[in-house]
Amino acid sequence: MNEVSSRASLITLLPILAIVIALASCKSLRRAERPVTIKENRKLVERTAEELLSMIRDSSFQAEWMHGKAEVVTNIEEKSQSFDIFFRARRDSAIWISISPLLGIEVARVLITRDSVLFMDRLHRKYHAADYGFLNNLLRMNIDFDIVQGVFTGNIFAYKKNKFNSVYIEEDQFYILSTLSKHKLKRSLEEKDPSKPIIQDMWISDLNYRISKLSVEDNKVQKKMMTHYDDFRLTDAGLFPFESRTTIYAERVVELEIRYSKLKVGQTQSFPFKIPGSYERIY
């Protein structure tokens, strides 16, 4: 696989993005109806982690089916690429993506399910089929379908089944929902701390109880993922972030930006992914 097609596969595997409806996709969720409004001189009310989690889930994006179009810009080792993607998704089931250079023909296709990652390189007539071990080796992080789906839609997910224990208030602008207790947070800042925990933080706006920013940091292996969400728009399935920026800090820095130009929810989709017999499998 050449450099361009390798990047194309990497950008789609991150988010699909993506890098959501993991925990937030419970059947008990209801459609979010909070428009984005500005509150003057507001003061955030103290909340427990359980209270905040409930409000986040109630406000999550809840589409069973979705499809649309987006522009994806990646920066890998200071080399930038831009692609158009057409995507289709079914909650908790599958994410399908068609990749094209801007205003060009399809060059690659990706299908991500709960147990597999399939990539077809149409330019070079090759394909790759693997489980999530491949994606984890590629990113040097523990990624599964729920995380990909979560980063993609801006809903809450738990990295490595983390439990959120604490809520902090940042300058009366955001709630910070964290997997660390205050005691563990203090210990984690000490070099001599042998536990080196995995820290997951989410910045929550009280304007809509959607995630504005999330951070996952694994101190044991010195890896970090940061995602920012912006331009929330109300759909029939709740608020959806039409812009996201994800950065992964690992052996190399990978930056990914998604801007949605089209998003439709509620229409049943198919996921065409037939590999021609003449294609060579990449191992």
Protein backbone atom coordinates (compact mmCIF):
# COMPACT_ATOMS: atom_id res chain seq x y z
CA MET A 1 0.00 0.00 0.00
CA ASN A 2 1.51 3.38 -0.97
CA GLU A 3 1.78 6.49 1.17
CA VAL A 4 -1.47 8.10 -0.02
CA SER A 5 -3.62 5.02 0.44
CA SER A 6 -2.02 4.34 3.83
CA ARG A 7 -3.04 7.79 4.98
CA ALA A 8 -6.52 7.32 3.57
CA SER A 9 -6.96 4.16 5.62
CA LEU A 10 -5.56 5.81 8.74
CA ILE A 11 -7.85 8.83 8.63
CA THR A 12 -10.96 6.74 8.29
CA LEU A 13 -10.03 4.32 11.02
CA LEU A 14 -9.50 7.08 13.56
CA PRO A 15 -12.94 8.55 13.76
CA ILE A 16 -15.18 7.38 11.26
CA LEU A 17 -15.13 8.75 12.63
CA ALA A 18 -15.24 7.64 14.01
CA ILE A 19 -11.16 9.06 17.08
CA VAL A 20 -20.89 8.18 19.07
CA ILE A 21 -23.02 6.30 20.79
CA ALA A 22 -21.18 3.96 22.96
CA LEU A 23 -22.45 4.32 26.49
CA ALA A 24 -24.82 6.99 25.27
CA SER A 25 -26.82 4.66 23.04
CA CYS A 26 -28.93 3.05 25.76
CA LYS A 27 -32.61 2.57 24.90
CA SER A 28 -33.57 4.72 27.87
CA LEU A 29 -32.21 7.83 26.20
CA ARG A 30 -34.57 10.50 24.96
CA ARG A 31 -34.16 13.00 22.15
CA ALA A 32 -32.21 16.14 23.08
CA GLU A 33 -34.25 19.29 22.71
CA ARG A 34 -31.95 21.88 24.24
CA PRO A 35 -31.00 24.55 21.69
CA VAL A 36 -27.64 26.23 22.08
CA THR A 37 -28.27 29.49 23.96
CA ILE A 38 -26.04 31.98 25.73
CA LYS A 39 -26.44 32.49 29.48
CA GLU A 40 -25.09 35.73 30.90
CA ASN A 41 -23.22 35.64 34.22
CA ARG A 42 -24.18 32.05 34.83
CA LYS A 43 -22.85 30.02 37.75
CA LEU A 44 -22.67 26.27 37.38
CA VAL A 45 -24.60 24.19 39.89
CA GLU A 46 -22.61 21.56 41.78
CA ARG A 47 -23.40 18.08 40.43
CA THR A 48 -22.30 14.54 41.21
CA ALA A 49 -20.79 12.32 38.53
CA GLU A 50 -24.01 10.26 38.45
CA GLU A 51 -26.18 13.35 37.94
CA LEU A 52 -23.97 14.70 35.18
CA LEU A 53 -23.78 11.33 33.41
CA SER A 54 -27.57 11.13 33.38
CA MET A 55 -27.88 14.60 31.84
CA ILE A 56 -25.21 13.85 29.22
CA ARG A 57 -26.97 10.65 28.20
CA ASP A 58 -30.34 12.39 28.03
CA SER A 59 -28.83 14.96 25.65
CA SER A 60 -26.92 12.54 23.42
CA PHE A 61 -27.25 12.14 19.66
CA GLN A 62 -29.57 9.16 19.18
CA ALA A 63 -29.89 8.32 15.50
CA GLU A 64 -30.47 4.64 14.72
CA TRP A 65 -29.48 5.30 11.09
CA MET A 66 -27.46 8.16 9.61
CA HIS A 67 -25.70 9.09 6.40
CA GLY A 68 -24.01 12.14 4.96
CA LYS A 69 -20.93 13.81 3.57
CA ALA A 70 -17.90 15.45 5.15
CA GLU A 71 -14.51 16.89 4.32
CA VAL A 72 -11.63 15.32 6.24
CA VAL A 73 -8.24 17.00 6.63
CA THR A 74 -5.37 15.02 8.12
CA ASN A 75 -1.90 16.03 9.18
CA ILE A 76 0.52 13.17 9.78
CA GLU A 77 4.14 14.03 10.46
CA GLU A 78 3.52 17.53 9.06
CA LYS A 79 2.15 16.14 5.78
CA SER A 80 -1.38 17.33 5.09
CA GLN A 81 -4.06 15.57 3.02
CA SER A 82 -7.70 16.44 2.27
CA PHE A 83 -10.45 13.98 1.35
CA ASP A 84 -14.18 13.92 0.82
CA ILE A 85 -15.98 11.08 2.58
CA PHE A 86 -19.49 9.76 2.15
CA PHE A 87 -20.59 7.78 5.18
CA ARG A 88 -23.43 5.56 6.36
CA ALA A 89 -23.90 4.19 9.85
CA ARG A 90 -26.21 2.14 11.99
CA ARG A 91 -25.97 2.64 15.74
CA ASP A 92 -23.94 -0.01 17.57
CA SER A 93 -23.63 -2.04 14.36
CA ALA A 94 -21.63 -0.68 11.42
CA ILE A 95 -19.92 2.37 9.93
CA TRP A 96 -19.38 2.48 6.15
CA ILE A 97 -17.18 5.08 4.42
CA SER A 98 -16.34 5.92 0.83
CA ILE A 99 -13.21 8.04 0.37
CA SER A 100 -12.46 10.35 -2.56
CA PRO A 101 -9.89 13.05 -3.22
CA LEU A 102 -11.64 16.41 -3.27
CA LEU A 103 -14.00 16.43 -6.28
CA GLY A 104 -12.57 13.10 -7.39
CA ILE A 105 -13.64 9.47 -7.85
CA GLU A 106 -13.71 6.87 -5.08
CA VAL A 107 -10.24 5.62 -4.17
CA ALA A 108 -11.01 3.59 -1.06
CA ARG A 109 -13.84 2.10 0.95
CA VAL A 110 -13.98 1.16 4.64
CA LEU A 111 -16.42 -0.96 6.63
CA ILE A 112 -16.13 -1.08 10.41
CA THR A 113 -18.27 -3.46 12.45
CA ARG A 114 -18.18 -4.48 16.09
CA ASP A 115 -15.54 -7.15 15.43
CA SER A 116 -13.78 -6.26 12.17
CA VAL A 117 -12.12 -3.51 10.15
CA LEU A 118 -12.24 -3.88 6.34
CA PHE A 119 -10.39 -1.60 3.92
CA MET A 120 -10.48 -1.73 0.11
CA ASP A 121 -7.90 0.17 -1.96
CA ARG A 122 -9.55 0.70 -5.35
CA LEU A 123 -6.55 2.44 -6.88
CA HIS A 124 -4.20 -0.49 -6.36
CA ARG A 125 -6.81 -3.28 -6.33
CA LYS A 126 -5.92 -4.45 -2.83
CA TYR A 127 -7.84 -5.02 0.40
CA HIS A 128 -7.20 -5.51 4.10
CA ALA A 129 -9.36 -7.44 6.55
CA ALA A 130 -8.56 -7.58 10.25
CA ASP A 131 -9.90 -7.35 13.77
CA TYR A 132 -9.26 -4.43 16.14
CA GLY A 133 -5.79 -5.72 16.94
CA PHE A 134 -4.67 -4.17 13.65
CA LEU A 135 -6.14 -0.78 14.54
CA ASN A 136 -4.65 -0.91 18.04
CA ASN A 137 -1.20 -1.68 16.61
CA LEU A 138 -1.57 1.14 14.10
CA LEU A 139 -2.52 3.74 16.71
CA ARG A 140 -0.76 2.16 19.71
CA MET A 141 -3.97 2.62 21.71
CA ASN A 142 -6.86 0.40 22.79
CA ILE A 143 -9.60 1.17 20.25
CA ASP A 144 -12.88 -0.66 19.77
CA PHE A 145 -16.12 0.00 17.89
CA ASP A 146 -17.73 1.94 20.74
CA ILE A 147 -14.80 4.35 20.90
CA VAL A 148 -14.76 4.88 17.13
CA GLN A 149 -18.51 5.45 17.18
CA GLY A 150 -18.21 7.72 20.20
CA VAL A 151 -15.57 9.97 18.67
CA PHE A 152 -17.58 10.05 15.43
CA THR A 153 -20.82 11.36 16.91
CA GLY A 154 -19.60 13.24 19.97
CA ASN A 155 -21.35 11.00 22.51
CA ILE A 156 -19.85 9.69 25.72
CA PHE A 157 -17.76 6.51 25.78
CA ALA A 158 -15.51 4.84 28.33
CA TYR A 159 -11.92 4.06 27.34
CA LYS A 160 -10.96 0.61 28.67
CA LYS A 161 -14.29 0.53 30.54
CA ASN A 162 -13.23 3.43 32.75
CA LYS A 163 -15.68 4.66 35.40
CA PHE A 164 -16.24 8.38 35.87
CA ASN A 165 -15.77 9.29 39.52
CA SER A 166 -15.44 13.04 39.87
CA VAL A 167 -16.83 16.34 38.60
CA TYR A 168 -14.80 19.56 38.57
CA ILE A 169 -16.02 23.02 37.55
CA GLU A 170 -13.74 25.06 35.29
CA GLU A 171 -14.26 28.80 35.72
CA ASP A 172 -18.05 28.39 35.71
CA GLN A 173 -17.88 27.53 32.02
CA PHE A 174 -17.58 23.75 31.87
CA TYR A 175 -18.11 20.69 34.00
CA ILE A 176 -15.10 18.37 33.79
CA LEU A 177 -16.15 14.75 34.21
CA SER A 178 -13.10 12.67 35.17
CA THR A 179 -12.23 9.04 35.79
CA LEU A 180 -9.92 10.12 38.61
CA SER A 181 -10.88 10.98 42.15
CA LYS A 182 -9.23 14.09 43.56
CA HIS A 183 -6.89 11.91 45.64
CA LYS A 184 -5.79 9.85 42.63
CA LEU A 185 -5.42 12.96 40.51
CA LYS A 186 -2.96 14.37 43.04
CA ARG A 187 -1.00 11.11 43.11
CA SER A 188 -0.92 10.87 39.32
CA LEU A 189 0.92 14.20 39.17
CA GLU A 190 3.76 12.80 41.25
CA GLU A 191 6.64 11.22 39.37
CA LYS A 192 7.04 8.54 42.04
CA ASP A 193 3.46 7.34 41.60
CA PRO A 194 3.78 3.68 40.46
CA SER A 195 0.18 3.31 39.30
CA LYS A 196 0.32 5.77 36.36
CA PRO A 197 -3.42 5.58 35.66
CA ILE A 198 -5.30 5.99 32.42
CA ILE A 199 -7.03 9.35 32.70
CA GLN A 200 -10.18 10.22 30.77
CA ASP A 201 -11.67 13.71 31.08
CA MET A 202 -14.66 15.26 29.33
CA TRP A 203 -15.55 18.96 29.27
CA ILE A 204 -19.34 19.40 29.37
CA SER A 205 -21.20 22.62 28.59
CA ASP A 206 -24.25 23.39 30.72
CA LEU A 207 -25.78 25.09 27.65
CA ASN A 208 -26.61 21.76 26.03
CA TYR A 209 -24.91 19.00 28.11
CA ARG A 210 -22.93 17.85 25.09
CA ILE A 211 -19.20 17.09 25.11
CA SER A 212 -17.13 20.11 24.06
CA LYS A 213 -13.76 18.43 24.54
CA LEU A 214 -12.49 15.01 25.58
CA SER A 215 -9.08 13.77 26.58
CA VAL A 216 -7.77 10.20 27.03
CA GLU A 217 -4.25 9.89 28.42
CA ASP A 218 -2.44 6.62 29.12
CA ASN A 219 0.55 7.57 31.24
CA LYS A 220 1.97 4.05 31.29
CA VAL A 221 2.70 4.12 27.54
CA GLN A 222 2.84 7.91 27.10
CA LYS A 223 -0.08 8.15 24.66
CA LYS A 224 -2.82 10.73 24.49
CA MET A 225 -5.91 11.49 22.39
CA MET A 226 -7.67 14.87 22.42
CA THR A 227 -10.89 15.75 20.55
CA HIS A 228 -12.68 19.11 20.32
CA TYR A 229 -16.30 19.45 19.11
CA ASP A 230 -17.92 22.54 17.67
CA ASP A 231 -20.83 23.84 15.53
CA PHE A 232 -23.60 21.83 17.21
CA ARG A 233 -26.79 21.76 15.13
CA LEU A 234 -30.18 20.38 16.08
CA THR A 235 -31.35 17.34 14.07
CA ASP A 236 -34.30 14.98 14.43
CA ALA A 237 -32.01 12.80 16.57
CA GLY A 238 -30.64 15.55 18.79
CA LEU A 239 -27.65 17.89 18.66
CA PHE A 240 -24.78 16.81 16.40
CA PRO A 241 -21.30 18.41 16.19
CA PHE A 242 -20.71 19.42 12.56
CA GLU A 243 -17.03 20.05 13.28
CA SER A 244 -14.49 17.98 15.21
CA ARG A 245 -10.73 18.06 15.64
CA THR A 246 -8.86 15.02 16.95
CA THR A 247 -5.17 14.78 17.79
CA ILE A 248 -3.40 11.55 18.77
CA TYR A 249 0.00 11.85 20.44
CA ALA A 250 1.90 8.58 20.08
CA GLU A 251 5.01 7.49 18.18
CA ARG A 252 3.90 10.11 15.68
CA VAL A 253 1.38 12.91 15.97
CA VAL A 254 -1.79 12.40 13.96
CA GLU A 255 -4.22 15.30 13.51
CA LEU A 256 -7.66 14.86 12.00
CA GLU A 257 -10.35 17.44 11.30
CA ILE A 258 -13.88 16.67 10.09
CA ARG A 259 -16.35 19.19 8.70
CA TYR A 260 -19.80 17.85 7.83
CA SER A 261 -21.63 19.40 4.89
CA LYS A 262 -24.55 16.97 4.89
CA LEU A 263 -26.19 14.84 7.57
CA LYS A 264 -29.45 12.88 7.34
CA VAL A 265 -30.92 10.63 10.02
CA GLY A 266 -33.64 7.99 10.15
CA GLN A 267 -33.31 6.43 6.68
CA THR A 268 -32.35 2.74 6.48
CA GLN A 269 -28.96 2.28 4.77
CA SER A 270 -27.08 -0.53 3.05
CA PHE A 271 -23.34 -1.11 3.41
CA PRO A 272 -22.04 -2.35 0.03
CA PHE A 273 -18.62 -3.93 0.41
CA LYS A 274 -18.01 -6.65 -2.16
CA ILE A 275 -14.32 -7.38 -2.74
CA PRO A 276 -13.55 -8.41 -6.35
CA GLY A 277 -11.84 -11.76 -6.70
CA SER A 278 -8.95 -10.12 -8.54
CA TYR A 279 -8.01 -7.95 -5.53
CA GLU A 280 -4.87 -8.87 -3.57
CA ARG A 281 -5.17 -9.21 0.18
CA ILE A 282 -2.75 -7.14 2.26
CA TYR A 283 -1.38 -8.86 5.35
